[in-house]
Protein backbone atom coordinates (compact mmCIF):
# COMPACT_ATOMS: atom_id res chain seq x y z
CA MET A 1 9.38 -34.52 -148.73
CA THR A 2 8.54 -31.86 -151.29
CA THR A 3 4.25 -31.22 -150.59
CA THR A 4 3.07 -29.54 -154.06
CA PRO A 5 -0.08 -28.08 -153.10
CA ARG A 6 -2.79 -29.82 -155.90
CA VAL A 7 -3.95 -27.33 -158.65
CA HIS A 8 -6.34 -26.97 -161.37
CA TRP A 9 -5.93 -29.12 -164.54
CA TRP A 10 -4.90 -26.30 -166.92
CA ILE A 11 -2.20 -25.39 -164.52
CA GLY A 12 -0.59 -28.62 -165.21
CA PHE A 13 -1.85 -28.81 -168.42
CA ALA A 14 0.60 -25.56 -168.96
CA LEU A 15 3.41 -27.03 -166.75
CA LEU A 16 3.35 -29.91 -169.51
CA SER A 17 2.23 -28.36 -172.60
CA LEU A 18 3.85 -24.69 -172.51
CA GLY A 19 3.60 -23.77 -175.96
CA GLY A 20 0.52 -25.04 -177.57
CA LEU A 21 -1.19 -23.39 -174.15
CA MET A 22 0.58 -19.82 -174.21
CA ALA A 23 -0.90 -20.01 -177.94
CA VAL A 24 -4.11 -20.45 -177.06
CA VAL A 25 -4.42 -18.02 -173.86
CA PHE A 26 -2.40 -14.95 -175.54
CA PHE A 27 -3.07 -15.33 -179.06
CA GLY A 28 -6.62 -17.43 -179.02
CA ALA A 29 -9.93 -15.89 -177.79
CA GLN A 30 -10.06 -15.08 -174.13
CA LYS A 31 -11.69 -16.44 -171.68
CA SER A 32 -11.21 -16.14 -168.03
CA LEU A 33 -9.57 -18.96 -166.23
CA PRO A 34 -9.57 -19.74 -162.43
CA VAL A 35 -7.11 -18.21 -159.80
CA ILE A 36 -5.82 -20.82 -157.38
CA SER A 37 -6.42 -19.81 -153.70
CA ARG A 38 -3.22 -18.89 -151.80
CA PRO A 39 -2.67 -22.30 -150.06
CA SER A 40 -2.59 -21.85 -146.35
CA GLU A 41 1.20 -22.67 -145.96
CA ASP A 42 1.97 -19.73 -148.03
CA ALA A 43 -0.27 -17.28 -146.23
CA ASN A 44 1.91 -14.17 -145.73
CA ILE A 45 4.81 -15.76 -147.85
CA LEU A 46 5.55 -13.93 -151.01
CA ARG A 47 6.18 -16.19 -153.78
CA LEU A 48 8.62 -15.10 -157.11
CA ALA A 49 9.55 -17.21 -159.81
CA CYS A 50 13.07 -17.15 -161.34
CA VAL A 51 14.67 -18.69 -164.60
CA GLN A 52 18.02 -19.07 -163.21
CA ASN A 53 19.42 -21.97 -160.92
CA LEU A 54 20.24 -20.24 -157.69
CA SER A 55 22.69 -20.75 -155.00
CA PRO A 56 22.71 -19.80 -151.55
CA ASP A 57 26.50 -18.94 -151.70
CA PRO A 58 26.92 -15.01 -151.66
CA GLN A 59 30.21 -15.36 -153.93
CA ARG A 60 28.87 -16.63 -156.60
CA ARG A 61 27.31 -14.29 -159.68
CA THR A 62 24.94 -16.07 -161.55
CA SER A 63 22.67 -14.79 -165.09
CA PRO A 64 21.69 -10.67 -164.03
CA TYR A 65 17.91 -11.52 -162.77
CA PRO A 66 16.92 -9.56 -160.05
CA ALA A 67 15.88 -12.96 -157.87
CA HIS A 68 19.66 -13.99 -157.73
CA ASN A 69 20.09 -10.62 -155.85
CA GLN A 70 16.57 -10.20 -153.89
CA PHE A 71 17.70 -14.25 -153.01
CA ILE A 72 21.28 -13.61 -151.51
CA LEU A 73 20.41 -10.49 -149.82
CA SER A 74 17.78 -12.33 -147.96
CA LEU A 75 19.53 -14.66 -146.44
CA TRP A 76 22.61 -12.47 -146.29
CA GLU A 77 23.56 -8.61 -145.18
CA PRO A 78 26.54 -7.18 -146.30
CA LEU A 79 28.48 -3.67 -144.24
CA ILE A 80 25.99 -1.42 -145.96
CA GLU A 81 22.96 -1.06 -149.01
CA CYS A 82 22.73 1.88 -151.24
CA ASP A 83 19.22 3.97 -150.95
CA PRO A 84 17.80 3.34 -154.76
CA ALA A 85 16.58 6.78 -154.54
CA THR A 86 19.83 8.82 -153.87
CA GLY A 87 22.57 5.87 -154.62
CA GLN A 88 23.88 6.88 -151.13
CA PRO A 89 24.91 4.05 -148.91
CA GLN A 90 23.31 2.89 -145.54
CA PRO A 91 23.63 1.52 -142.56
CA ALA A 92 23.29 -2.74 -142.51
CA ALA A 93 25.59 -4.52 -141.14
CA ALA A 94 27.65 -2.13 -139.97
CA GLN A 95 26.20 0.77 -137.99
CA SER A 96 28.82 3.49 -138.74
CA TRP A 97 32.12 4.25 -140.67
CA GLU A 98 35.10 6.66 -140.40
CA TRP A 99 37.72 7.56 -142.57
CA SER A 100 41.14 8.79 -141.72
CA PRO A 101 42.46 12.11 -142.75
CA ASP A 102 44.07 11.14 -145.89
CA ARG A 103 41.75 9.04 -146.45
CA LEU A 104 43.15 5.91 -147.00
CA THR A 105 42.05 3.92 -144.10
CA LEU A 106 38.17 2.75 -143.48
CA THR A 107 36.85 2.06 -139.84
CA LEU A 108 33.68 0.22 -139.83
CA LYS A 109 31.39 -0.73 -136.57
CA LEU A 110 29.09 -3.36 -136.62
CA ARG A 111 25.85 -3.71 -135.15
CA PRO A 112 26.49 -5.10 -131.59
CA ASP A 113 22.72 -6.43 -132.01
CA ALA A 114 23.72 -8.23 -135.32
CA ARG A 115 23.37 -11.78 -135.19
CA TRP A 116 23.20 -14.80 -137.07
CA SER A 117 20.15 -17.34 -138.09
CA ASN A 118 21.04 -19.05 -134.66
CA GLY A 119 21.70 -16.49 -132.74
CA GLU A 120 25.53 -16.35 -132.61
CA PRO A 121 26.52 -12.33 -132.78
CA VAL A 122 28.21 -11.59 -136.27
CA SER A 123 31.67 -11.06 -135.88
CA ALA A 124 34.17 -8.43 -138.10
CA HIS A 125 36.04 -11.41 -137.83
CA ASP A 126 33.17 -13.61 -140.10
CA PHE A 127 33.91 -10.49 -142.77
CA ILE A 128 37.44 -11.02 -142.97
CA ARG A 129 36.84 -14.85 -143.69
CA SER A 130 34.46 -14.38 -146.05
CA TRP A 131 36.50 -12.02 -147.89
CA ARG A 132 39.36 -14.27 -148.01
CA ARG A 133 37.63 -16.88 -149.08
CA LEU A 134 36.46 -14.52 -151.86
CA LEU A 135 40.02 -13.80 -152.58
CA GLY A 136 40.43 -17.21 -153.71
CA ARG A 137 37.45 -16.83 -156.28
CA PRO A 138 38.24 -16.48 -159.78
CA ILE A 139 39.60 -12.39 -160.99
CA GLU A 140 36.13 -11.14 -162.36
CA LEU A 141 34.65 -11.90 -158.54
CA ALA A 142 37.86 -11.20 -156.70
CA GLN A 143 38.91 -8.07 -158.39
CA THR A 144 35.49 -6.69 -156.11
CA LEU A 145 38.36 -6.87 -152.82
CA PHE A 146 41.15 -5.24 -155.44
CA PRO A 147 40.97 -1.53 -154.27
CA LEU A 148 42.02 -3.03 -150.44
CA LYS A 149 46.12 -2.41 -150.19
CA ASN A 150 47.85 -5.92 -151.33
CA ALA A 151 44.60 -7.36 -152.16
CA GLU A 152 45.41 -8.16 -156.16
CA ALA A 153 49.01 -9.27 -155.18
CA PHE A 154 47.51 -11.87 -152.65
CA HIS A 155 44.73 -13.04 -154.82
CA LEU A 156 47.77 -13.56 -158.04
CA GLY A 157 49.96 -15.57 -155.66
CA HIS A 158 52.41 -12.41 -155.97
CA LEU A 159 51.81 -11.89 -151.82
CA LYS A 160 51.67 -14.82 -149.79
CA ASP A 161 50.93 -13.49 -146.65
CA PHE A 162 47.40 -12.53 -146.06
CA GLY A 163 47.97 -10.86 -143.02
CA ALA A 164 49.21 -8.27 -145.29
CA VAL A 165 46.12 -7.60 -147.26
CA GLY A 166 44.75 -4.22 -146.04
CA MET A 167 41.62 -5.87 -143.99
CA GLN A 168 41.95 -5.69 -140.26
CA ALA A 169 39.14 -7.12 -137.71
CA VAL A 170 40.68 -4.75 -134.71
CA ASP A 171 38.18 -6.51 -132.23
CA GLY A 172 35.06 -8.48 -132.91
CA LEU A 173 33.02 -5.08 -134.04
CA THR A 174 35.40 -3.69 -135.16
CA LEU A 175 36.52 -3.91 -138.92
CA ARG A 176 39.37 -1.79 -140.34
CA LEU A 177 39.93 -1.62 -144.48
CA GLU A 178 43.55 0.25 -146.00
CA LEU A 179 43.95 1.21 -149.45
CA SER A 180 46.16 1.57 -152.08
CA LYS A 181 44.91 4.74 -152.76
CA VAL A 182 42.38 6.94 -152.61
CA ARG A 183 38.99 5.74 -153.74
CA SER A 184 35.93 7.54 -152.45
CA SER A 185 33.06 5.34 -154.12
CA LEU A 186 34.67 2.44 -151.48
CA VAL A 187 31.24 2.78 -148.91
CA ALA A 188 29.04 2.09 -151.63
CA GLU A 189 31.02 -0.39 -153.11
CA LEU A 190 31.00 -2.32 -149.46
CA ALA A 191 27.08 -3.11 -150.39
CA ASP A 192 27.93 -5.70 -153.17
CA PRO A 193 26.84 -9.20 -152.44
CA LEU A 194 30.00 -10.81 -152.71
CA LEU A 195 31.38 -9.00 -149.32
CA SER A 196 28.34 -10.62 -146.95
CA PRO A 197 29.99 -12.42 -143.83
CA LEU A 198 30.73 -16.12 -143.60
CA PRO A 199 30.04 -18.06 -140.21
CA GLU A 200 32.85 -20.39 -139.60
CA GLY A 201 32.23 -23.93 -141.43
CA SER A 202 30.05 -22.39 -143.93
CA GLU A 203 32.60 -22.18 -146.60
CA GLN A 204 31.81 -26.62 -146.40
CA ILE A 205 28.44 -26.21 -146.05
CA LEU A 206 28.32 -24.36 -149.32
CA ALA A 207 30.93 -25.93 -151.30
CA ALA A 208 28.97 -29.35 -150.35
CA ALA A 209 25.41 -28.00 -150.85
CA SER A 210 24.60 -30.01 -147.85
CA PHE A 211 21.75 -27.70 -147.44
CA PHE A 212 19.20 -29.50 -149.72
CA ARG A 213 19.71 -32.25 -146.92
CA ASP A 214 19.64 -29.88 -144.16
CA PRO A 215 18.51 -26.18 -145.15
CA THR A 216 19.50 -25.04 -141.29
CA ALA A 217 22.50 -25.90 -140.98
CA LEU A 218 23.29 -23.24 -143.23
CA VAL A 219 23.72 -20.44 -140.77
CA THR A 220 23.01 -16.96 -142.36
CA ASN A 221 22.84 -13.03 -141.32
CA GLY A 222 19.93 -12.03 -143.04
CA PRO A 223 16.60 -10.88 -142.87
CA PHE A 224 14.84 -14.36 -143.81
CA ARG A 225 16.64 -17.95 -142.89
CA LEU A 226 16.52 -21.05 -144.97
CA GLN A 227 14.23 -23.68 -144.24
CA ARG A 228 14.07 -25.73 -147.43
CA ALA A 229 15.67 -26.56 -150.52
CA ASP A 230 15.62 -28.75 -153.86
CA TYR A 231 15.12 -28.33 -157.32
CA ASP A 232 11.93 -27.20 -157.61
CA GLY A 233 13.11 -23.83 -155.45
CA PHE A 234 13.94 -22.58 -151.97
CA ARG A 235 11.58 -22.03 -149.10
CA LEU A 236 12.29 -19.33 -146.81
CA LEU A 237 10.99 -17.74 -143.01
CA ALA A 238 12.01 -14.36 -141.40
CA SER A 239 14.50 -14.71 -139.38
CA PRO A 240 13.21 -14.21 -135.47
CA HIS A 241 17.48 -13.21 -134.79
CA TYR A 242 17.31 -10.59 -137.62
CA HIS A 243 18.20 -7.31 -135.96
CA GLY A 244 15.61 -5.37 -137.39
CA SER A 245 12.87 -8.36 -137.75
CA ARG A 246 9.93 -6.29 -136.23
CA ASP A 247 9.80 -4.05 -139.13
CA VAL A 248 9.31 -7.61 -141.09
CA ARG A 249 6.17 -7.71 -142.46
CA LEU A 250 6.29 -11.50 -144.58
CA ALA A 251 6.93 -14.77 -143.02
CA GLY A 252 9.12 -15.97 -145.19
CA LEU A 253 9.88 -16.09 -149.39
CA ARG A 254 9.32 -18.91 -151.59
CA PHE A 255 11.77 -18.61 -154.97
CA ILE A 256 10.43 -21.20 -157.63
CA ARG A 257 12.00 -22.24 -160.84
CA VAL A 258 10.50 -22.20 -163.87
CA ASP A 259 11.84 -22.93 -167.10
CA TYR A 260 11.13 -20.26 -169.16
CA LEU A 261 9.76 -16.13 -168.42
CA ALA A 262 6.47 -16.50 -170.00
CA LEU A 263 5.90 -19.54 -167.41
CA GLY A 264 6.34 -17.27 -164.54
CA GLN A 265 3.80 -14.89 -166.35
CA LEU A 266 1.26 -17.79 -166.34
CA LEU A 267 1.78 -19.02 -163.05
CA LEU A 268 1.34 -15.53 -161.69
CA ALA A 269 -1.95 -15.72 -163.25
CA ALA A 270 -2.82 -18.80 -161.71
CA GLY A 271 -2.13 -17.38 -158.06
CA VAL A 272 1.16 -19.97 -157.90
CA VAL A 273 3.65 -16.88 -157.64
CA ASP A 274 2.99 -13.07 -157.04
CA ILE A 275 6.25 -11.63 -158.10
CA VAL A 276 8.21 -12.01 -161.78
CA SER A 277 11.00 -9.65 -162.80
CA PRO A 278 12.11 -9.10 -165.35
CA MET A 279 8.78 -10.37 -167.26
CA SER A 280 8.93 -10.73 -171.02
CA TYR A 281 8.39 -8.29 -173.03
CA GLY A 282 5.60 -9.26 -176.30
CA GLU A 283 2.75 -7.37 -177.83
CA LYS A 284 0.32 -5.72 -175.09
CA ARG A 285 -2.28 -8.46 -174.26
CA LEU A 286 -4.91 -9.53 -171.45
CA MET A 287 -4.15 -11.85 -168.28
CA PRO A 288 -6.02 -15.74 -169.21
CA THR A 289 -7.48 -14.79 -165.40
CA GLU A 290 -9.45 -12.01 -162.86
CA ARG A 291 -6.23 -12.19 -161.11
CA GLN A 292 -5.07 -8.35 -160.22
CA VAL A 293 -1.75 -7.46 -161.33
CA LYS A 294 0.49 -4.19 -161.66
CA TYR A 295 3.06 -3.36 -163.72
CA GLU A 296 6.35 -1.75 -162.76
CA HIS A 297 9.67 -0.13 -164.43
CA GLU A 298 13.11 0.31 -163.48
CA LEU A 299 16.32 1.83 -166.25
CA VAL A 300 19.41 -0.49 -165.12
CA LEU A 301 22.64 0.46 -164.47
CA GLY A 302 24.22 -0.70 -167.50
CA VAL A 303 24.94 -0.20 -171.40
CA THR A 304 25.27 -2.85 -174.51
CA THR A 305 27.33 -1.30 -176.63
CA LEU A 306 29.41 -1.97 -179.55
CA ASP A 307 33.32 -2.16 -179.42
CA PHE A 308 36.21 -1.57 -181.88
CA ASN A 309 39.55 -2.42 -181.58
CA VAL A 310 41.68 0.08 -182.02
CA SER A 311 44.88 -1.04 -182.83
CA ARG A 312 44.37 -2.71 -186.22
CA GLY A 313 43.23 -1.08 -189.45
CA PRO A 314 40.50 2.11 -190.09
CA LEU A 315 39.29 1.36 -186.71
CA ARG A 316 42.24 3.67 -185.15
CA ASP A 317 41.45 6.58 -187.20
CA ILE A 318 39.31 8.59 -184.32
CA ARG A 319 37.18 9.47 -187.58
CA VAL A 320 36.04 6.46 -188.79
CA ARG A 321 35.10 5.54 -185.29
CA GLN A 322 33.47 8.71 -185.14
CA ALA A 323 31.48 7.92 -188.47
CA LEU A 324 30.48 4.74 -187.23
CA ALA A 325 29.17 6.28 -183.89
CA LEU A 326 26.97 8.77 -185.56
CA ALA A 327 25.60 6.83 -188.59
CA LEU A 328 23.54 4.65 -186.65
CA ASP A 329 19.30 4.79 -185.61
CA ARG A 330 19.11 3.76 -182.11
CA SER A 331 15.65 4.73 -181.74
CA ARG A 332 14.48 3.19 -185.45
CA LEU A 333 15.44 0.15 -184.25
CA THR A 334 15.27 0.12 -180.42
CA ASN A 335 11.38 0.99 -181.13
CA LYS A 336 11.66 -2.23 -183.77
CA PHE A 337 12.64 -4.66 -181.80
CA ASN A 338 12.10 -3.63 -178.19
CA PRO A 339 9.79 -1.49 -177.26
CA GLY A 340 9.34 -0.02 -174.03
CA ARG A 341 12.29 -2.09 -173.30
CA MET A 342 15.29 -0.93 -174.82
CA VAL A 343 16.42 2.83 -174.61
CA PRO A 344 18.10 4.53 -177.08
CA ALA A 345 21.97 5.36 -175.18
CA TRP A 346 23.79 8.56 -177.00
CA SER A 347 26.09 8.54 -173.84
CA TRP A 348 28.32 5.57 -171.48
CA ILE A 349 26.16 6.48 -168.33
CA PRO A 350 22.08 6.07 -168.10
CA SER A 351 19.88 8.05 -165.78
CA MET A 352 20.36 7.29 -162.60
CA PRO A 353 19.97 7.96 -158.53
CA GLY A 354 21.40 11.48 -158.24
CA ARG A 355 22.85 12.09 -161.80
CA PRO A 356 20.41 12.27 -165.09
CA GLY A 357 21.88 10.78 -168.18
CA LEU A 358 24.16 13.06 -170.84
CA ASN A 359 23.44 13.29 -174.49
CA LEU A 360 26.83 13.66 -175.72
CA LEU A 361 25.47 11.64 -179.31
CA LYS A 362 23.61 12.00 -182.01
CA LYS A 363 22.46 10.68 -185.29
CA ASN A 364 24.29 12.81 -188.42
CA VAL A 365 24.66 10.77 -191.32
CA GLU A 366 26.07 14.11 -193.31
CA GLU A 367 28.77 14.24 -191.00
CA ALA A 368 29.32 10.53 -190.53
CA ARG A 369 29.69 10.29 -194.46
CA ARG A 370 31.98 13.58 -193.84
CA LEU A 371 34.35 12.02 -191.51
CA LEU A 372 34.86 8.62 -193.35
CA ALA A 373 35.83 10.74 -196.38
CA ALA A 374 38.06 13.09 -194.97
CA ALA A 375 39.98 9.87 -193.22
CA GLY A 376 40.29 8.48 -197.23
CA TYR A 377 37.17 5.99 -197.51
CA PRO A 378 34.71 8.43 -199.59
CA VAL A 379 30.91 6.19 -199.76
CA GLY A 380 33.43 3.74 -198.42
CA ARG A 381 35.68 3.34 -201.39
CA GLY A 382 38.57 1.19 -200.33
CA PHE A 383 37.34 0.32 -196.24
CA PRO A 384 38.23 -3.53 -196.24
CA VAL A 385 35.57 -5.69 -194.73
CA LEU A 386 34.90 -5.50 -190.59
CA GLU A 387 35.55 -8.95 -188.55
CA MET A 388 32.49 -8.89 -186.17
CA SER A 389 32.52 -12.07 -183.59
CA LEU A 390 29.51 -13.11 -181.93
CA PRO A 391 28.92 -16.12 -179.79
CA LEU A 392 26.72 -18.64 -180.87
CA TRP A 393 24.10 -17.55 -178.35
CA GLN A 394 23.97 -14.37 -179.90
CA ARG A 395 22.67 -15.88 -183.11
CA ASP A 396 18.82 -14.85 -182.56
CA ASP A 397 19.91 -11.20 -181.22
CA PRO A 398 18.06 -9.37 -183.99
CA TYR A 399 20.35 -6.25 -183.59
CA PRO A 400 23.84 -7.02 -184.97
CA ALA A 401 22.62 -7.98 -188.30
CA GLU A 402 20.66 -4.27 -188.26
CA TRP A 403 23.55 -2.27 -187.04
CA VAL A 404 25.98 -3.53 -189.60
CA GLU A 405 23.22 -2.90 -192.60
CA THR A 406 23.07 0.69 -191.12
CA TRP A 407 26.36 0.87 -191.61
CA TYR A 408 26.59 -0.35 -195.43
CA GLN A 409 23.53 1.37 -196.54
CA GLU A 410 24.59 4.82 -194.99
CA LEU A 411 28.88 4.76 -194.97
CA GLY A 412 29.20 1.39 -197.92
CA VAL A 413 31.03 0.00 -194.92
CA ARG A 414 30.60 -4.03 -194.77
CA THR A 415 31.07 -6.11 -191.92
CA HIS A 416 30.93 -9.48 -191.92
CA ILE A 417 29.34 -11.59 -188.54
CA SER A 418 30.75 -14.80 -187.06
CA HIS A 419 29.25 -16.74 -184.79
CA GLU A 420 31.71 -19.05 -183.23
CA PRO A 421 31.99 -20.94 -180.36
CA ALA A 422 33.56 -20.46 -177.25
CA ALA A 423 36.93 -21.73 -178.02
CA VAL A 424 37.54 -20.20 -181.18
CA ARG A 425 36.50 -16.29 -179.55
CA ALA A 426 38.62 -16.81 -176.67
CA LYS A 427 41.52 -17.89 -179.31
CA ARG A 428 40.79 -13.93 -180.75
CA MET A 429 40.00 -12.59 -177.65
CA THR A 430 44.45 -12.19 -177.14
CA ALA A 431 47.09 -9.85 -176.86
CA ALA A 432 46.37 -9.46 -180.55
CA GLY A 433 43.21 -9.21 -180.96
CA ASP A 434 42.03 -11.11 -184.36
CA TYR A 435 38.47 -9.28 -184.48
CA ASP A 436 38.08 -4.97 -185.42
CA LEU A 437 34.31 -5.22 -183.45
CA LEU A 438 32.33 -6.81 -180.33
CA TYR A 439 29.03 -6.65 -179.45
CA SER A 440 29.11 -6.26 -175.83
CA SER A 441 27.04 -5.15 -172.42
CA MET A 442 28.05 -4.00 -168.98
CA VAL A 443 25.76 -3.88 -166.08
CA ALA A 444 26.99 -2.31 -163.06
CA THR A 445 27.60 -3.38 -159.19
CA VAL A 446 27.29 0.15 -157.94
CA PRO A 447 24.93 3.07 -158.01
CA ASP A 448 27.56 5.17 -159.60
CA ALA A 449 29.00 6.74 -162.69
CA GLY A 450 32.87 6.10 -162.16
CA ASP A 451 31.87 2.06 -161.90
CA LEU A 452 30.78 2.08 -165.68
CA LEU A 453 33.66 4.02 -166.61
CA SER A 454 36.23 1.73 -164.58
CA GLY A 455 36.63 -0.66 -167.27
CA PHE A 456 38.87 2.09 -169.16
CA LEU A 457 41.52 1.94 -165.81
CA TRP A 458 42.64 -2.11 -167.07
CA PRO A 459 45.27 -2.48 -168.89
CA SER A 460 44.87 -2.92 -172.54
CA GLU A 461 45.22 -6.64 -172.69
CA ILE A 462 42.65 -7.34 -170.33
CA ASN A 463 40.43 -4.42 -172.07
CA ALA A 464 38.34 -5.26 -175.70
CA THR A 465 38.84 -2.29 -177.90
CA LYS A 466 42.97 -2.05 -176.65
CA TRP A 467 42.12 1.88 -176.09
CA VAL A 468 44.63 3.20 -173.60
CA ASP A 469 44.38 6.59 -172.78
CA LYS A 470 46.67 9.09 -170.38
CA LYS A 471 43.87 11.41 -169.81
CA MET A 472 41.29 9.14 -169.29
CA ILE A 473 43.31 7.71 -166.76
CA GLY A 474 43.73 10.89 -164.74
CA LEU A 475 40.40 11.85 -165.23
CA LEU A 476 38.75 8.81 -163.64
CA ASN A 477 42.18 8.86 -160.80
CA GLU A 478 41.46 12.13 -159.70
CA ALA A 479 37.15 10.72 -159.42
CA ASN A 480 38.54 8.70 -157.06
CA THR A 481 39.70 11.36 -154.73
CA LEU A 482 36.40 13.51 -154.54
CA THR A 483 33.31 13.76 -153.98
CA GLY A 484 30.00 14.83 -154.63
CA GLU A 485 29.95 17.51 -157.63
CA ARG A 486 33.49 17.71 -157.95
CA ARG A 487 33.40 14.28 -158.25
CA LEU A 488 30.28 13.82 -160.69
CA ALA A 489 32.58 17.13 -162.37
CA ALA A 490 35.25 15.07 -163.08
CA LEU A 491 33.38 11.64 -164.39
CA GLU A 492 31.16 14.78 -166.40
CA LYS A 493 34.54 15.46 -168.46
CA ALA A 494 35.80 11.53 -168.56
CA GLU A 495 32.46 10.83 -170.01
CA GLN A 496 32.50 13.44 -172.72
CA LEU A 497 36.20 11.99 -173.52
CA LEU A 498 35.25 8.81 -174.35
CA MET A 499 32.39 10.01 -176.75
CA THR A 500 34.82 11.54 -178.76
CA ALA A 501 37.11 8.82 -178.84
CA VAL A 502 34.40 6.08 -178.91
CA PRO A 503 36.86 3.75 -179.01
CA ASN A 504 33.10 1.75 -178.18
CA VAL A 505 29.45 3.08 -178.98
CA PRO A 506 27.21 2.64 -176.54
CA VAL A 507 23.43 1.66 -177.95
CA MET A 508 21.49 0.59 -175.81
CA PHE A 509 19.71 1.10 -171.91
CA GLU A 510 17.96 -1.67 -171.44
CA ARG A 511 14.34 -0.83 -169.09
CA ARG A 512 13.21 -3.40 -167.02
CA GLN A 513 9.70 -4.78 -166.32
CA ALA A 514 8.33 -6.31 -163.26
CA MET A 515 4.81 -7.68 -162.93
CA LEU A 516 3.61 -7.81 -159.38
CA ALA A 517 0.22 -9.32 -158.12
CA ALA A 518 -2.10 -6.55 -156.87
CA GLU A 519 -1.43 -7.71 -152.94
CA VAL A 520 2.13 -7.14 -153.13
CA GLN A 521 3.16 -3.84 -151.45
CA GLY A 522 5.96 -2.27 -150.88
CA TRP A 523 8.10 -1.92 -153.89
CA TYR A 524 10.09 -0.49 -155.40
CA PRO A 525 13.13 0.68 -158.70
CA ASP A 526 16.25 -0.30 -157.90
CA PRO A 527 18.93 -0.11 -161.09
CA LEU A 528 21.12 -2.33 -159.82
CA ALA A 529 17.99 -4.88 -158.66
CA ARG A 530 18.60 -5.29 -155.31
CA GLN A 531 15.20 -4.54 -153.82
CA SER A 532 14.91 -5.96 -150.47
CA LEU A 533 12.21 -8.27 -149.75
CA ARG A 534 12.32 -7.67 -146.19
CA ARG A 535 10.12 -3.87 -147.21
CA LEU A 536 7.55 -5.69 -148.40
CA TRP A 537 4.18 -7.03 -147.43
CA LEU A 538 1.03 -8.07 -148.50
CA GLU A 539 -2.37 -7.34 -148.41
CA PRO A 540 -4.86 -9.91 -149.30
CA ALA A 541 -7.54 -7.44 -149.68
CA LEU A 542 -5.88 -5.64 -152.61
CA ALA A 543 -6.67 -9.00 -154.58
CA ASN A 544 -10.13 -8.01 -155.24
CA ASN A 545 -9.84 -4.45 -155.15
CA SER A 546 -7.77 -3.07 -157.46
CA ARG A 547 -7.72 -2.17 -161.09
CA ARG A 548 -6.91 -4.52 -163.61
CA GLU A 549 -3.80 -4.00 -165.95
CA PRO A 550 -3.43 -4.95 -169.57
CA GLY A 551 -0.51 -6.62 -169.68
CA LEU A 552 3.10 -6.34 -172.34
């Protein structure tokens, strides 16, 4: 049975009438509303608001909100974690690793003190079990393991013998991985939450969702274990068997389901939750209570793009693509629609740990007009109408209409935008490519510039732009054999080539903002939103002593 602490009338009213209360609280006259005291059952429990339906299955991807990663990494621990400040791999479930001289074999040693939440030791066989299951998942998940020898063939059904896949449990504490070709970023890639281990019997528990009836049946190897699961969210307690349990200062975690980010902010103000990440953006406003809060920012390791179908019409001409890229005023639109949240993108890779972003593009309308004229379309004369296909859920996104209006005003190029059902768009997304433009985004899973560039190694039939360049492929393959500064130099050459050919136009990066109660300590920015909550703690005394800050 789930028990709910008694709350003030205004919180209950907020849950029933969010729209009206938000209008009164945030846009009407300001007045101080009471803050709910932390219930005794939540003493030293960190409470997070989440807007998506979470699942404790590590081999599922949900909406790319931080709460998903934080939830999974609280329950499960992969072999590696990446230092958010440097991007360098650090020991997690594995205590060490070693490459063979040809860098085609990676041998990892597991921690001898790693334990499941029931006290049993974590074994290399648990990783093999989990990864075999992952290879049976959809390709967008299974491809995480494709760098391993024969992994892709096994996933596609071309190979039936799982023993031929490049993963082996040499003994209980030794995992050996064989690569199909050299891949210098592999160790960092092992930090992906998808690559967490699974104990025997867990696949059936996850498939049947029996953890709702019996949360203790789900055995995990992370710093926290599942105590309660229901429609309202999840409650976790610190696992006494976790190898680093002495350093975990929280007694547990609560992930509380909310319908809107704005409601999460209101509940934080009320004292019901402690973290909202990401928080919604809007005009600056004061909190409706006296609860002390603070704001943290991080640049998301991802990019929003306009994708050209280079296989048809005038978009086959590099001069046309360059003209369209040069005509866009990214700064004006991000300042107009999302000041503080969206950042103009002047290259493909945002600033990231160990690598500042490059400045390879610019706004230059005169050069854009010259290039378009040189391609045979002076002031857009004779240029066919471009077709931009968008999903129905992007109807309220203001950016596409503004991009195409800019092209019309500056270059005379007209574009027709179609918001289409998924089935209609799926027909367009064929090898023939019945579209000229797509509007999309990509988020990295590894703190490495090569991850956001790796899509250009894909064959044209699964590449939205249909752009395949042998020199680009060569640079990316070369980068995968290098480390350190030499790798960064090869990736920079690849990015420069990409920004010259512009099969895609990067338009925006995202800056994510988190809202925290003042008593939450230890928060740190992570471009992949993989903050390990075991590093956080609560200082109740700070709730009344920190400076009050205005919200956004």
